[in-house]
Amino acid sequence: MPRRLSDVAAFAGVSVATVSRVLHDKPGIAQATRDSVLTALDVFGYERPQKLRNERAPLIGLVLPELQNPIFPAMAELVVTELIRHNLLPVLCTRTADGLPEAHYVEMLLAQNVGGIVFIGSSYADAGAAQVKVLRARKLPIVLINAADENLDVPRVCVDDGVAVRQALGHLRALGHERIGLILGPVGHVPSARKLAAYAAHAEEHAEEQGGKQGGKQGGLGWRALVAHTIFSMEGGATAAMRLVGEGATALVCASDALALGAIRAVRKLGLKVPADVSVVGFDDSSLMSLTDPPLTTVRQPIAAMGGAAVAALMSQINGHVVPVDEVLFDPELIVRGSTGMCPAP
């Protein structure tokens, strides 16, 4: 028990003596301190004293599309940490192998009278018309992080996808690449659509800078041949990369690190090398990308800042404040590693 008390005390940022005083319902403990200790008990799975068991912190739903992409659990961990600091208990909801939809999760969360919902990489609209109507009627606090759809009437925190693509393309152009392919998620996925818009604008601007020269097939509208939509997986990235390299791409910009790893695998299956023959850029800078072979050049999402902003927006709503529904955009950062290099000589 002393070890357990020390764990709880360390998590709550108080002394073991303070934890003991809370457990025995002693007077003279500030409410905020008391709440922190009780929340720490919940986090570690320790049973509360009988008379304190009804004093549970509000539940907050955390809805994610999946956990295979490392960026989602990383983002969830940061949001969970922030929620716990505010004495809120997160409930993790993610799509299962049998395709349990978000609408089902939202229905269950509403039945538990949750205090709010954070959607990460998914869509408020995907909750279904009936559930959306209930959410609006209840005025339930909601925040979206990197939403899959526009969802214009909900507070949103997003990475700037346009800036991400421009950073990647600028890096590859500086290395001499002209035939740059783009591997995106499914058609209609908003972050992918934004990346595509930035890519198209860059291609047209580059063609104009070349004085109307075609620059190979990528001049004018030829850039469309170097764009591939696929599912967010290594297999999807590999399939797309096969086609784009066949179109003559010497570099690939991918909408996720998983897509990028699949692209690298495809390049090797073709008997080529990364980056000697084909350069590859990912997106997210998820865990272990510095340890891949070669280490992956990628565009890092500022997930700590984004998670903090999302929880701040949620807390403002919970506290009764009006929160603007304008989208808050965060700039990404290009992290250059070993998967990009000079364009090979023709």
Foldseek 3Di string as FASTA:
>chain_A
DVVVLVQLCVQLVHDSVVLVCLLVVHPDDDPLSSLSSVLSCVVVVHDGPPVCNVVAAAEEEEEEADPPALLVVVLVVLLQSVCSNVSYHYDYHYADPVGDFLLVVLVVCVVVVGQAYEYEQEAPPSNDPVSNVVCVVVVRQYEYELYQACPLPHAYEYAQLLLFLVVVVVVQVVLVFDLEAEEFEAPSRVSRVNNVVSVVVVLAVVCVVVVNDQSPLSRDVSRVQRYHYFHPALCRLLVSLLSNVVVVGQEYEYAAVRSQNSNQVNCVVVVHHFNQRHAYEHEAPGPCLVVDVPRHWYWHDPSNVRSVVRVVSSVCVSVPHDDDNDYHYDYIHTDDTRRHHHHHDD
